[in-house]
Amino acid sequence: MKHAGVDSLIALLPQTDEHTPARLAIAADHLRRALGQALIETVPGPASLFVQFNLRLCDEEQAHTALKQALHTAWDTGHHSDSGREHHIPVYHAPEAGADLWRLAQHTGLMLDEIIAAHCAPVYRVTAVGFAPGFAYLSGLDPRLNLPRLDTPRARVPAGSVAIAAGQCAIYPRASPGGWNLIGLTPTPPGHPAHPDSGPTLAVGDRVRFSPIDRRDFLSQGGVLPP
């Protein structure tokens, strides 16, 4: 456990496994209950938990003890396969929706239907949320679909773009620059707590299942194709 500022701590885990993100999410929940209004923010990462607290309501020793106890409780409780929420997200996989789909096919030697099946088969885990509000990093990608990030990031990636890079998958919640490989679009991009009218909010420890849809279903569900 290390200092991350005068009012913050970060726990760095030396060893991780596939259940670590879910356990960190459990630890964050315990910490919120333990510190209450004294807790400003928790940011779980793939192998870390950042904590910021209000120095007027909680001193460093109290925060350190609460964080240590939350981590012990999360690991003692163990991993439960139903921890976190499960989200079912539809995806339209086609060259007009994923600019890098054909390049992925050439790289892997897989047919389009094989790529779709490989992408939609796993149950993904949210391991971190960052880069932009609502942008969730998903583990569980089929190794056959592994591609590095683009050498030159795009100036604009459409909202709802489903993308892969470096063994992970993600969905762009809003239009933004980005260097991931685009393989499809969802009509329901993830949202953010500050925007309750948007799509599902993804949190660390949540599970994600993708389901393929065709062009007609994509458009009927409010999807918008890039120009």
Protein backbone atom coordinates (compact mmCIF):
# COMPACT_ATOMS: atom_id res chain seq x y z
CA MET A 1 0.00 0.00 0.00
CA LYS A 2 1.46 3.38 -1.03
CA HIS A 3 0.71 7.08 -0.72
CA ALA A 4 -0.81 8.57 -3.85
CA GLY A 5 -1.17 12.08 -2.42
CA VAL A 6 -1.86 13.82 0.88
CA ASP A 7 -5.45 12.54 0.83
CA SER A 8 -5.14 9.32 -1.14
CA LEU A 9 -3.75 5.78 -1.02
CA ILE A 10 -3.24 3.06 -3.60
CA ALA A 11 -3.08 -0.66 -3.01
CA LEU A 12 -0.94 -2.48 -5.59
CA LEU A 13 -1.40 -6.23 -5.89
CA PRO A 14 1.76 -8.28 -6.61
CA GLN A 15 -0.24 -11.27 -7.90
CA THR A 16 -3.48 -11.32 -9.84
CA ASP A 17 -5.79 -13.81 -11.51
CA GLU A 18 -9.04 -13.70 -13.48
CA HIS A 19 -11.03 -13.07 -10.28
CA THR A 20 -9.01 -10.06 -9.13
CA PRO A 21 -11.22 -7.37 -10.75
CA ALA A 22 -14.34 -8.79 -9.09
CA ARG A 23 -12.60 -8.94 -5.71
CA LEU A 24 -11.39 -5.35 -6.07
CA ALA A 25 -14.96 -4.29 -6.82
CA ILE A 26 -16.09 -6.08 -3.63
CA ALA A 27 -13.32 -4.31 -1.67
CA ALA A 28 -14.44 -0.94 -3.03
CA ASP A 29 -18.02 -1.65 -1.91
CA HIS A 30 -16.85 -2.57 1.61
CA LEU A 31 -14.74 0.57 1.73
CA ARG A 32 -17.69 2.77 0.77
CA ARG A 33 -19.74 1.28 3.61
CA ALA A 34 -16.86 1.62 6.10
CA LEU A 35 -15.92 5.24 5.35
CA GLY A 36 -19.27 6.64 4.24
CA GLN A 37 -19.11 10.36 3.51
CA ALA A 38 -15.40 10.41 4.33
CA LEU A 39 -14.73 8.56 1.08
CA ILE A 40 -14.38 10.79 -1.97
CA GLU A 41 -13.56 8.25 -4.68
CA THR A 42 -12.42 4.69 -5.35
CA VAL A 43 -10.86 3.70 -8.68
CA PRO A 44 -10.30 -0.05 -9.11
CA GLY A 45 -7.77 -1.03 -11.77
CA PRO A 46 -6.71 -4.42 -13.15
CA ALA A 47 -4.31 -4.90 -10.20
CA SER A 48 -4.81 -1.88 -7.96
CA LEU A 49 -7.31 0.07 -5.90
CA PHE A 50 -6.96 3.85 -5.61
CA VAL A 51 -8.70 5.57 -2.71
CA GLN A 52 -9.23 9.29 -2.07
CA PHE A 53 -10.65 10.40 1.27
CA ASN A 54 -11.78 13.61 2.96
CA LEU A 55 -9.11 14.69 5.46
CA ARG A 56 -11.68 16.66 7.43
CA LEU A 57 -13.69 13.49 8.11
CA CYS A 58 -11.01 10.79 8.06
CA ASP A 59 -7.30 10.75 8.79
CA GLU A 60 -4.71 8.67 6.94
CA GLU A 61 -4.52 5.99 9.61
CA GLN A 62 -8.28 5.43 9.51
CA ALA A 63 -8.27 5.26 5.70
CA HIS A 64 -5.31 2.86 5.71
CA THR A 65 -7.01 0.55 8.23
CA ALA A 66 -10.32 0.63 6.34
CA LEU A 67 -8.63 -0.13 3.02
CA LYS A 68 -6.61 -2.99 4.49
CA GLN A 69 -9.73 -4.49 6.07
CA ALA A 70 -11.75 -4.10 2.86
CA LEU A 71 -9.12 -5.99 0.87
CA HIS A 72 -8.91 -8.77 3.46
CA THR A 73 -12.69 -9.08 3.51
CA ALA A 74 -12.89 -9.25 -0.29
CA TRP A 75 -10.26 -11.99 -0.51
CA ASP A 76 -11.61 -13.92 2.49
CA THR A 77 -15.09 -13.83 0.98
CA GLY A 78 -13.70 -15.34 -2.20
CA HIS A 79 -14.91 -14.96 -5.74
CA HIS A 80 -18.51 -15.62 -6.65
CA SER A 81 -19.34 -16.15 -10.29
CA ASP A 82 -22.44 -13.99 -9.89
CA SER A 83 -20.58 -11.00 -8.43
CA GLY A 84 -21.15 -7.80 -10.36
CA ARG A 85 -23.89 -7.19 -12.86
CA GLU A 86 -24.25 -8.85 -16.23
CA HIS A 87 -24.87 -6.77 -19.34
CA HIS A 88 -26.05 -8.08 -22.72
CA ILE A 89 -24.86 -5.76 -25.48
CA PRO A 90 -25.90 -6.17 -29.14
CA VAL A 91 -23.26 -5.62 -31.83
CA TYR A 92 -23.54 -5.14 -35.57
CA HIS A 93 -20.36 -6.60 -37.10
CA ALA A 94 -19.82 -5.37 -40.66
CA PRO A 95 -17.19 -3.38 -42.58
CA GLU A 96 -19.48 -0.33 -42.59
CA ALA A 97 -19.64 -0.55 -38.78
CA GLY A 98 -16.08 -1.70 -38.08
CA ALA A 99 -13.37 -0.15 -40.23
CA ASP A 100 -10.74 -2.70 -39.17
CA LEU A 101 -12.84 -5.83 -39.62
CA TRP A 102 -11.33 -6.88 -42.94
CA ARG A 103 -7.81 -6.22 -41.68
CA LEU A 104 -8.58 -8.46 -38.71
CA ALA A 105 -9.79 -11.17 -41.09
CA GLN A 106 -6.59 -10.92 -43.12
CA HIS A 107 -4.45 -11.00 -39.97
CA THR A 108 -6.18 -14.02 -38.41
CA GLY A 109 -7.20 -15.95 -41.53
CA LEU A 110 -10.72 -16.23 -40.09
CA MET A 111 -13.93 -15.73 -42.05
CA LEU A 112 -16.30 -12.97 -40.96
CA ASP A 113 -18.75 -15.40 -39.36
CA GLU A 114 -15.87 -17.03 -37.45
CA ILE A 115 -14.73 -13.64 -36.15
CA ILE A 116 -18.26 -12.82 -35.00
CA ALA A 117 -18.59 -16.19 -33.25
CA ALA A 118 -15.18 -15.81 -31.58
CA HIS A 119 -15.99 -12.29 -30.42
CA CYS A 120 -19.42 -13.11 -29.01
CA ALA A 121 -18.56 -16.44 -27.34
CA PRO A 122 -16.69 -15.24 -24.20
CA VAL A 123 -18.13 -13.76 -21.05
CA TYR A 124 -16.03 -10.63 -20.59
CA ARG A 125 -15.06 -9.00 -17.30
CA VAL A 126 -14.71 -5.27 -16.71
CA THR A 127 -11.18 -4.92 -15.33
CA ALA A 128 -10.90 -1.12 -15.31
CA VAL A 129 -12.77 2.02 -16.29
CA GLY A 130 -10.79 4.97 -17.57
CA PHE A 131 -9.39 6.88 -20.55
CA ALA A 132 -12.81 8.57 -20.85
CA PRO A 133 -15.97 8.47 -18.69
CA GLY A 134 -17.71 5.15 -19.28
CA PHE A 135 -14.83 3.61 -21.26
CA ALA A 136 -14.47 0.09 -19.82
CA TYR A 137 -11.61 -2.32 -20.43
CA LEU A 138 -12.90 -5.87 -20.94
CA SER A 139 -10.83 -9.01 -20.41
CA GLY A 140 -11.65 -12.39 -21.96
CA LEU A 141 -11.02 -11.73 -25.64
CA ASP A 142 -10.36 -14.84 -27.74
CA PRO A 143 -6.54 -14.91 -28.28
CA ARG A 144 -7.08 -15.46 -32.01
CA LEU A 145 -8.48 -11.93 -32.25
CA ASN A 146 -5.47 -10.26 -30.66
CA LEU A 147 -4.24 -7.18 -32.54
CA PRO A 148 -1.93 -4.36 -31.39
CA ARG A 149 -3.16 -0.80 -31.15
CA LEU A 150 -3.05 1.26 -34.32
CA ASP A 151 0.28 2.96 -35.04
CA THR A 152 -1.59 6.20 -35.68
CA PRO A 153 -4.77 6.74 -33.61
CA ARG A 154 -7.88 7.98 -35.39
CA ALA A 155 -8.91 11.57 -34.78
CA ARG A 156 -12.51 10.47 -34.29
CA VAL A 157 -14.00 7.10 -33.38
CA PRO A 158 -17.83 6.93 -33.58
CA ALA A 159 -19.81 6.51 -30.37
CA GLY A 160 -20.78 2.89 -29.78
CA SER A 161 -17.75 1.50 -31.60
CA VAL A 162 -16.77 -1.97 -30.39
CA ALA A 163 -13.02 -2.30 -30.55
CA ILE A 164 -10.14 -4.62 -29.68
CA ALA A 165 -6.45 -4.07 -28.91
CA ALA A 166 -3.67 -5.82 -27.00
CA GLY A 167 -5.84 -8.74 -25.91
CA GLN A 168 -8.72 -6.61 -24.63
CA CYS A 169 -12.09 -5.39 -25.86
CA ALA A 170 -13.81 -2.07 -25.26
CA ILE A 171 -16.75 0.08 -26.35
CA TYR A 172 -16.37 3.79 -27.04
CA PRO A 173 -19.19 5.46 -25.06
CA ARG A 174 -18.91 8.69 -27.02
CA ALA A 175 -17.20 9.92 -30.16
CA SER A 176 -13.54 10.53 -29.36
CA PRO A 177 -10.02 9.99 -30.66
CA GLY A 178 -8.82 6.41 -30.32
CA GLY A 179 -6.25 3.87 -31.42
CA TRP A 180 -8.13 0.58 -30.99
CA ASN A 181 -9.19 -1.68 -33.89
CA LEU A 182 -12.86 -1.19 -34.77
CA ILE A 183 -14.86 -4.36 -35.43
CA GLY A 184 -18.48 -3.29 -34.99
CA LEU A 185 -21.04 -0.93 -33.52
CA THR A 186 -23.59 -1.24 -30.74
CA PRO A 187 -26.81 0.81 -30.76
CA THR A 188 -26.59 1.01 -26.94
CA PRO A 189 -23.14 2.37 -26.01
CA PRO A 190 -22.23 2.35 -22.30
CA GLY A 191 -23.22 5.33 -20.26
CA HIS A 192 -21.94 7.23 -17.26
CA PRO A 193 -23.56 7.88 -13.87
CA ALA A 194 -23.72 11.58 -14.68
CA HIS A 195 -25.87 10.81 -17.74
CA PRO A 196 -28.77 8.57 -16.59
CA ASP A 197 -30.43 8.74 -20.01
CA SER A 198 -27.51 6.94 -21.67
CA GLY A 199 -26.80 3.22 -22.00
CA PRO A 200 -25.72 0.71 -19.34
CA THR A 201 -23.05 1.89 -16.90
CA LEU A 202 -20.20 -0.62 -16.73
CA ALA A 203 -18.33 -1.04 -13.44
CA VAL A 204 -15.27 -3.05 -12.46
CA GLY A 205 -16.29 -6.65 -11.79
CA ASP A 206 -19.31 -6.55 -14.12
CA ARG A 207 -19.73 -9.17 -16.82
CA VAL A 208 -20.46 -8.42 -20.47
CA ARG A 209 -21.93 -10.70 -23.12
CA PHE A 210 -22.06 -9.57 -26.75
CA SER A 211 -24.77 -10.79 -29.11
CA PRO A 212 -24.65 -10.33 -32.90
CA ILE A 213 -27.41 -8.40 -34.68
CA ASP A 214 -27.93 -7.54 -38.34
CA ARG A 215 -28.11 -4.14 -40.00
CA ARG A 216 -31.90 -3.88 -39.78
CA ASP A 217 -31.93 -4.63 -36.06
CA PHE A 218 -29.08 -2.19 -35.48
CA LEU A 219 -30.96 0.64 -37.16
CA SER A 220 -34.29 -0.26 -35.56
CA GLN A 221 -32.65 -0.07 -32.11
CA GLY A 222 -31.50 3.48 -32.73
CA GLY A 223 -28.04 2.76 -34.11
CA VAL A 224 -26.37 5.30 -36.37
CA LEU A 225 -23.87 4.31 -39.05
CA PRO A 226 -20.82 6.54 -39.66
CA PRO A 227 -20.93 8.68 -42.82
